[in-house]
Protein backbone atom coordinates (compact mmCIF):
# COMPACT_ATOMS: atom_id res chain seq x y z
CA UNK A 1 -124.15 -172.20 133.37
CA UNK A 2 -124.44 -168.47 133.02
CA UNK A 3 -127.71 -166.64 132.50
CA UNK A 4 -126.78 -165.82 128.91
CA UNK A 5 -126.01 -169.43 128.06
CA UNK A 6 -129.27 -170.54 129.68
CA UNK A 7 -131.24 -167.99 127.69
CA UNK A 8 -129.62 -169.14 124.43
CA UNK A 9 -130.43 -172.76 125.26
CA UNK A 10 -134.05 -171.89 126.15
CA UNK A 11 -134.58 -170.10 122.82
CA UNK A 12 -132.68 -172.71 120.84
CA UNK A 13 -129.84 -170.40 119.89
CA UNK A 14 -126.97 -172.42 121.28
CA UNK A 15 -126.93 -174.75 118.31
CA UNK A 16 -125.27 -173.35 115.22
CA UNK A 17 -127.75 -174.40 112.52
CA UNK A 18 -126.38 -172.15 109.70
CA UNK A 19 -124.14 -173.75 107.11
CA UNK A 20 -120.71 -172.17 106.54
CA UNK A 21 -121.41 -171.42 102.87
CA UNK A 22 -124.60 -169.48 103.56
CA UNK A 23 -122.67 -166.29 104.33
CA UNK A 24 -120.66 -166.49 101.12
CA UNK A 25 -123.72 -167.21 99.00
CA UNK A 26 -125.58 -164.29 100.54
CA UNK A 27 -122.63 -162.00 99.92
CA UNK A 28 -122.30 -163.12 96.30
CA UNK A 29 -126.03 -162.58 95.82
CA UNK A 30 -125.80 -159.06 97.25
CA UNK A 31 -122.82 -158.21 95.02
CA UNK A 32 -124.64 -159.56 91.96
CA UNK A 33 -127.85 -157.64 92.66
CA UNK A 34 -126.08 -154.36 93.44
CA UNK A 35 -123.66 -154.48 90.50
CA UNK A 36 -126.10 -155.81 87.89
CA UNK A 37 -127.53 -152.38 86.86
CA UNK A 38 -124.04 -150.91 86.42
CA UNK A 39 -122.85 -153.94 84.46
CA UNK A 40 -125.95 -153.81 82.25
CA UNK A 41 -125.44 -150.11 81.48
CA UNK A 42 -121.73 -150.69 80.82
CA UNK A 43 -122.47 -153.50 78.38
CA UNK A 44 -125.22 -151.53 76.58
CA UNK A 45 -123.42 -148.20 76.29
CA UNK A 46 -119.74 -149.21 76.15
CA UNK A 47 -119.18 -152.82 75.11
CA UNK A 48 -121.89 -153.10 72.43
CA UNK A 49 -121.02 -149.75 70.73
CA UNK A 50 -117.38 -150.85 70.65
CA UNK A 51 -118.27 -154.16 69.03
CA UNK A 52 -120.55 -152.45 66.50
CA UNK A 53 -117.89 -149.82 65.79
CA UNK A 54 -115.23 -152.46 65.19
CA UNK A 55 -117.66 -154.30 62.90
CA UNK A 56 -118.56 -151.16 60.89
CA UNK A 57 -114.86 -150.33 60.59
CA UNK A 58 -114.36 -153.34 58.34
CA UNK A 59 -116.73 -151.88 55.71
CA UNK A 60 -116.79 -149.02 53.27
CA UNK A 61 -120.22 -147.90 54.36
CA UNK A 62 -122.31 -144.73 53.98
CA UNK A 63 -124.51 -145.31 57.02
CA UNK A 64 -127.64 -146.59 55.26
CA UNK A 65 -128.94 -150.12 55.78
CA UNK A 66 -126.79 -153.00 56.95
CA UNK A 67 -123.06 -152.74 56.14
CA UNK A 68 -123.05 -156.31 54.84
CA UNK A 69 -125.80 -155.40 52.32
CA UNK A 70 -125.20 -151.76 51.34
CA UNK A 71 -121.48 -151.54 52.14
CA UNK A 72 -118.32 -153.12 50.83
CA UNK A 73 -116.13 -155.31 53.02
CA UNK A 74 -112.59 -153.88 53.00
CA UNK A 75 -111.06 -155.69 55.97
CA UNK A 76 -108.40 -153.62 57.76
CA UNK A 77 -108.08 -151.08 54.95
CA UNK A 78 -109.93 -148.34 56.89
CA UNK A 79 -107.60 -148.79 59.86
CA UNK A 80 -104.49 -148.79 57.62
CA UNK A 81 -105.69 -145.67 55.78
CA UNK A 82 -106.29 -143.81 59.04
CA UNK A 83 -102.93 -144.74 60.54
CA UNK A 84 -101.05 -143.69 57.39
CA UNK A 85 -103.05 -140.48 56.83
CA UNK A 86 -100.91 -137.39 57.49
CA UNK A 87 -103.99 -135.46 58.69
CA UNK A 88 -104.75 -138.08 61.32
CA UNK A 89 -101.13 -138.14 62.43
CA UNK A 90 -101.26 -134.33 62.85
CA UNK A 91 -104.50 -134.68 64.81
CA UNK A 92 -102.83 -137.22 67.12
CA UNK A 93 -99.87 -134.85 67.56
CA UNK A 94 -102.17 -131.91 68.36
CA UNK A 95 -104.08 -134.03 70.86
CA UNK A 96 -100.91 -134.96 72.72
CA UNK A 97 -99.83 -131.31 72.66
CA UNK A 98 -103.11 -130.50 74.40
CA UNK A 99 -102.53 -133.32 76.93
CA UNK A 100 -99.03 -132.13 77.85
CA UNK A 101 -99.80 -128.41 77.60
CA UNK A 102 -102.83 -128.71 79.88
CA UNK A 103 -100.78 -130.49 82.54
CA UNK A 104 -97.89 -128.03 82.33
CA UNK A 105 -100.11 -124.94 82.56
CA UNK A 106 -102.83 -126.08 84.94
CA UNK A 107 -100.89 -128.10 87.53
CA UNK A 108 -98.72 -125.29 88.99
CA UNK A 109 -101.52 -122.72 88.74
CA UNK A 110 -103.99 -125.05 90.44
CA UNK A 111 -101.57 -125.77 93.30
CA UNK A 112 -100.84 -122.06 93.79
CA UNK A 113 -104.55 -121.13 93.75
CA UNK A 114 -105.30 -123.97 96.18
CA UNK A 115 -102.51 -122.77 98.50
CA UNK A 116 -104.01 -119.28 98.38
CA UNK A 117 -107.56 -120.48 99.02
CA UNK A 118 -106.36 -122.76 101.84
CA UNK A 119 -105.46 -119.63 103.84
CA UNK A 120 -107.99 -117.74 105.93
CA UNK A 121 -108.81 -114.27 104.57
CA UNK A 122 -111.83 -112.20 103.68
CA UNK A 123 -113.37 -112.91 100.30
CA UNK A 124 -112.01 -116.46 100.10
CA UNK A 125 -115.44 -117.90 99.30
CA UNK A 126 -116.01 -115.34 96.54
CA UNK A 127 -112.65 -116.07 94.89
CA UNK A 128 -113.29 -119.81 95.13
CA UNK A 129 -116.65 -119.36 93.42
CA UNK A 130 -115.22 -117.14 90.67
CA UNK A 131 -112.49 -119.69 89.90
CA UNK A 132 -114.98 -122.55 89.72
CA UNK A 133 -117.65 -120.72 87.66
CA UNK A 134 -116.05 -121.35 84.20
CA UNK A 135 -116.08 -125.09 84.87
CA UNK A 136 -119.86 -125.22 85.24
CA UNK A 137 -120.53 -123.02 82.21
CA UNK A 138 -121.53 -124.96 79.11
CA UNK A 139 -118.85 -125.57 76.47
CA UNK A 140 -121.21 -124.12 73.85
CA UNK A 141 -121.46 -120.82 75.71
CA UNK A 142 -117.71 -120.71 76.38
CA UNK A 143 -116.82 -121.55 72.79
CA UNK A 144 -119.28 -119.10 71.26
CA UNK A 145 -118.31 -116.29 73.60
CA UNK A 146 -114.55 -116.64 73.17
CA UNK A 147 -114.85 -117.12 69.41
CA UNK A 148 -116.49 -113.69 69.24
CA UNK A 149 -114.07 -112.05 71.66
CA UNK A 150 -110.97 -113.41 69.88
CA UNK A 151 -111.89 -112.46 66.34
CA UNK A 152 -109.41 -110.30 64.43
CA UNK A 153 -111.74 -107.35 65.02
CA UNK A 154 -113.07 -108.65 68.34
CA UNK A 155 -113.16 -107.08 71.77
CA UNK A 156 -109.76 -108.40 72.88
CA UNK A 157 -107.89 -106.89 69.93
CA UNK A 158 -109.89 -103.69 70.25
CA UNK A 159 -108.81 -103.43 73.88
CA UNK A 160 -105.20 -104.04 72.87
CA UNK A 161 -105.60 -101.33 70.23
CA UNK A 162 -106.45 -98.79 72.97
CA UNK A 163 -103.10 -99.69 74.55
CA UNK A 164 -101.25 -99.18 71.28
CA UNK A 165 -100.77 -102.89 70.62
CA UNK A 166 -101.77 -104.50 67.37
CA UNK A 167 -103.66 -107.65 68.26
CA UNK A 168 -102.80 -110.89 66.46
CA UNK A 169 -105.20 -113.29 64.80
CA UNK A 170 -105.76 -115.49 67.84
CA UNK A 171 -107.80 -118.16 66.07
CA UNK A 172 -106.51 -118.42 62.49
CA UNK A 173 -102.75 -118.03 62.97
CA UNK A 174 -101.30 -121.59 63.03
CA UNK A 175 -98.44 -120.39 65.24
CA UNK A 176 -100.84 -118.97 67.82
CA UNK A 177 -104.01 -121.07 67.63
CA UNK A 178 -102.68 -123.92 69.79
CA UNK A 179 -101.59 -121.47 72.51
CA UNK A 180 -105.03 -119.87 72.36
CA UNK A 181 -106.67 -123.28 72.71
CA UNK A 182 -104.48 -124.19 75.71
CA UNK A 183 -105.29 -120.90 77.44
CA UNK A 184 -109.02 -121.40 76.88
CA UNK A 185 -108.88 -124.98 78.17
CA UNK A 186 -106.91 -123.86 81.22
CA UNK A 187 -109.40 -121.04 81.93
CA UNK A 188 -112.31 -123.44 81.56
CA UNK A 189 -111.08 -126.40 83.59
CA UNK A 190 -108.66 -125.02 86.18
CA UNK A 191 -111.52 -124.58 88.66
CA UNK A 192 -111.98 -128.34 88.83
CA UNK A 193 -108.26 -128.85 89.46
CA UNK A 194 -108.26 -126.19 92.20
CA UNK A 195 -111.19 -127.80 94.00
CA UNK A 196 -109.46 -131.20 93.92
CA UNK A 197 -106.15 -129.78 95.21
CA UNK A 198 -107.94 -127.81 97.91
CA UNK A 199 -109.76 -130.93 99.09
CA UNK A 200 -106.43 -132.77 99.19
CA UNK A 201 -104.77 -129.99 101.20
CA UNK A 202 -107.59 -129.83 103.73
CA UNK A 203 -107.19 -133.56 104.43
CA UNK A 204 -103.58 -133.03 105.58
CA UNK A 205 -103.38 -133.14 109.42
CA UNK A 206 -102.84 -129.69 110.93
CA UNK A 207 -100.49 -131.19 113.56
CA UNK A 208 -97.80 -131.64 110.90
CA UNK A 209 -97.71 -127.90 110.17
CA UNK A 210 -97.71 -127.03 113.88
CA UNK A 211 -94.77 -129.37 114.48
CA UNK A 212 -92.93 -127.85 111.53
CA UNK A 213 -93.54 -124.33 112.89
CA UNK A 214 -92.11 -125.38 116.25
CA UNK A 215 -89.01 -126.62 114.41
CA UNK A 216 -88.69 -123.23 112.70
CA UNK A 217 -89.77 -124.18 109.16
CA UNK A 218 -90.81 -121.34 106.86
CA UNK A 219 -94.10 -121.26 104.93
CA UNK A 220 -92.57 -122.45 101.67
CA UNK A 221 -90.52 -125.13 103.42
CA UNK A 222 -93.74 -126.51 104.91
CA UNK A 223 -95.42 -126.55 101.50
CA UNK A 224 -92.41 -128.26 99.90
CA UNK A 225 -91.79 -130.81 102.67
CA UNK A 226 -95.37 -131.48 103.82
CA UNK A 227 -98.04 -130.26 101.39
CA UNK A 228 -96.63 -131.44 98.07
CA UNK A 229 -95.68 -134.99 99.19
CA UNK A 230 -99.05 -135.56 100.87
CA UNK A 231 -100.87 -133.96 97.93
CA UNK A 232 -99.26 -136.38 95.46
CA UNK A 233 -102.14 -138.94 95.42
CA UNK A 234 -104.65 -136.19 94.63
CA UNK A 235 -102.33 -134.77 91.98
CA UNK A 236 -101.96 -138.18 90.32
CA UNK A 237 -105.73 -138.64 90.16
CA UNK A 238 -106.15 -135.16 88.62
CA UNK A 239 -103.44 -135.88 86.04
CA UNK A 240 -105.28 -139.03 85.03
CA UNK A 241 -108.62 -137.22 84.68
CA UNK A 242 -107.00 -134.36 82.77
CA UNK A 243 -105.28 -136.72 80.31
CA UNK A 244 -108.48 -138.64 79.59
CA UNK A 245 -110.40 -135.39 79.10
CA UNK A 246 -107.74 -133.99 76.75
CA UNK A 247 -107.70 -137.19 74.68
CA UNK A 248 -111.45 -136.80 74.18
CA UNK A 249 -111.32 -133.06 73.44
CA UNK A 250 -113.87 -132.15 70.80
CA UNK A 251 -116.51 -129.60 71.77
CA UNK A 252 -114.43 -126.44 72.25
CA UNK A 253 -112.41 -127.02 69.08
CA UNK A 254 -115.51 -127.85 67.05
CA UNK A 255 -117.46 -124.81 68.28
CA UNK A 256 -114.66 -122.26 67.89
CA UNK A 257 -112.82 -123.51 64.80
CA UNK A 258 -115.12 -126.08 63.22
CA UNK A 259 -113.93 -129.47 62.01
CA UNK A 260 -112.42 -128.17 58.74
CA UNK A 261 -110.82 -124.88 59.84
CA UNK A 262 -109.29 -126.58 62.87
CA UNK A 263 -106.95 -128.52 60.60
CA UNK A 264 -105.63 -125.44 58.79
CA UNK A 265 -105.31 -123.60 62.12
CA UNK A 266 -103.29 -126.49 63.59
CA UNK A 267 -105.69 -127.38 66.43
CA UNK A 268 -107.49 -130.42 65.01
CA UNK A 269 -107.84 -133.29 67.45
CA UNK A 270 -108.49 -136.99 67.00
CA UNK A 271 -112.19 -136.45 67.71
CA UNK A 272 -112.61 -133.60 65.20
CA UNK A 273 -110.80 -135.70 62.58
CA UNK A 274 -113.20 -138.57 63.23
CA UNK A 275 -116.25 -136.33 62.79
CA UNK A 276 -114.83 -134.64 59.68
CA UNK A 277 -113.83 -137.83 57.90
CA UNK A 278 -116.73 -139.91 59.20
CA UNK A 279 -120.02 -138.10 59.67
CA UNK A 280 -119.35 -134.93 57.62
CA UNK A 281 -117.98 -136.94 54.70
CA UNK A 282 -120.72 -139.58 54.90
CA UNK A 283 -118.11 -142.33 55.38
CA UNK A 284 -119.36 -143.99 58.52
CA UNK A 285 -117.27 -147.12 58.10
CA UNK A 286 -114.06 -145.09 58.05
CA UNK A 287 -115.26 -142.95 60.97
CA UNK A 288 -115.98 -146.10 62.99
CA UNK A 289 -112.45 -147.36 62.32
CA UNK A 290 -111.02 -144.02 63.53
CA UNK A 291 -113.19 -144.23 66.65
CA UNK A 292 -111.79 -147.66 67.47
CA UNK A 293 -108.23 -146.39 66.99
CA UNK A 294 -108.93 -143.45 69.35
CA UNK A 295 -110.37 -145.87 71.90
CA UNK A 296 -107.31 -148.12 71.71
CA UNK A 297 -104.92 -145.17 72.10
CA UNK A 298 -106.85 -143.91 75.14
CA UNK A 299 -107.07 -147.43 76.61
CA UNK A 300 -103.33 -148.06 76.30
CA UNK A 301 -102.49 -144.72 77.94
CA UNK A 302 -105.01 -145.32 80.74
CA UNK A 303 -103.71 -148.83 81.43
CA UNK A 304 -100.07 -147.73 81.42
CA UNK A 305 -100.83 -144.86 83.80
CA UNK A 306 -102.82 -147.22 86.00
CA UNK A 307 -100.00 -149.77 86.00
CA UNK A 308 -97.04 -147.48 86.66
CA UNK A 309 -98.57 -144.56 88.57
CA UNK A 310 -101.95 -145.16 90.19
CA UNK A 311 -101.07 -148.64 91.45
CA UNK A 312 -98.70 -146.98 93.93
CA UNK A 313 -101.68 -145.48 95.75
CA UNK A 314 -103.62 -148.74 95.51
CA UNK A 315 -100.67 -150.69 96.91
CA UNK A 316 -100.46 -148.23 99.78
CA UNK A 317 -104.18 -148.61 100.53
CA UNK A 318 -103.94 -152.41 100.47
CA UNK A 319 -100.90 -152.31 102.75
CA UNK A 320 -102.79 -150.11 105.23
CA UNK A 321 -105.73 -152.52 105.11
CA UNK A 322 -103.45 -155.47 105.79
CA UNK A 323 -101.80 -153.61 108.67
CA UNK A 324 -105.22 -152.92 110.18
CA UNK A 325 -106.15 -156.59 109.85
CA UNK A 326 -102.90 -157.66 111.52
CA UNK A 327 -103.43 -155.11 114.33
CA UNK A 328 -107.00 -156.32 114.87
CA UNK A 329 -105.79 -159.93 114.95
CA UNK A 330 -103.11 -159.08 117.52
CA UNK A 331 -105.65 -157.22 119.67
CA UNK A 332 -108.04 -160.17 119.51
CA UNK A 333 -105.29 -162.60 120.49
CA UNK A 334 -104.23 -160.35 123.36
CA UNK A 335 -107.83 -160.14 124.60
CA UNK A 336 -108.10 -163.93 124.47
CA UNK A 337 -104.90 -164.33 126.50
CA UNK A 338 -106.11 -161.87 129.11
CA UNK A 339 -109.42 -163.75 129.39
CA UNK A 340 -107.56 -167.05 129.91
CA UNK A 341 -105.36 -165.45 132.57
CA UNK A 342 -108.37 -164.05 134.40
CA UNK A 343 -110.07 -167.47 134.40
CA UNK A 344 -106.92 -169.07 135.81
CA UNK A 345 -106.78 -166.47 138.59
CA UNK A 346 -110.41 -167.18 139.49
């Protein structure tokens, strides 16, 4: 008997007194305790408001008292009215224009800026800070500032006037307002995209670039063959975040155009329509129905993107985890065989 076995026997540790289910119960208890606060907050601030919103959406209700007492039960009429309203359909169209336009403008610019900032040169930290500053500035400040600068007689048109160019009406022209909105959104949020892309690029092993240089690859060939493929998971996550943010767009449009002017300017979104027809019109039942429709649209898009795009990364992570488990199992089996061989030799 070895010294270790004797010590275990002396202290009573050689007998396995723990039941096999104790470990599982302890793990379930830890998961329950750690996830309970998050689940409680999710139920209070997501699930319950959704249930109340769906309930209010069945009533023609002005927001005073209980809907069942002061309102009128109209069933699905609020939902039908919203879906058949031409203004809501335009708001949905404008929202999807913002979703697509933001991706088209910001994605290539963010990758190019990240490629630039991934190089070593003087002033890189300053440029990185300047690009990220608009993202941390409040939407109220951004909206107020740009609404003043882009007035017909604002500073931007005055500057163009010095150059002999007659400035357009950036905010009120329906043919130009959406472009203005997309440029403002890109200026505001591109810093976040650049930081994400830069983090993704810096996680790429440097050995791949050195091997490509040895093979004679040019700078752009390395970016096309190495950077972009390995940056794809980061890019897919950013696309998801950008789409969700665009679907919820409200503050910039509301501050610059207001909920009523935004419709005539052609930049109304689903959220501004909800506020205009719900809170501003005192029709909280209808506004609740619109909120539920917006939630369902966002949920369907998020689930489809998760199913057909993000699951690729999750499948890859699970496959890597399974490979690690199989490698660990093979190493353990090999160690056991070596131990048996050594005992036989002795």
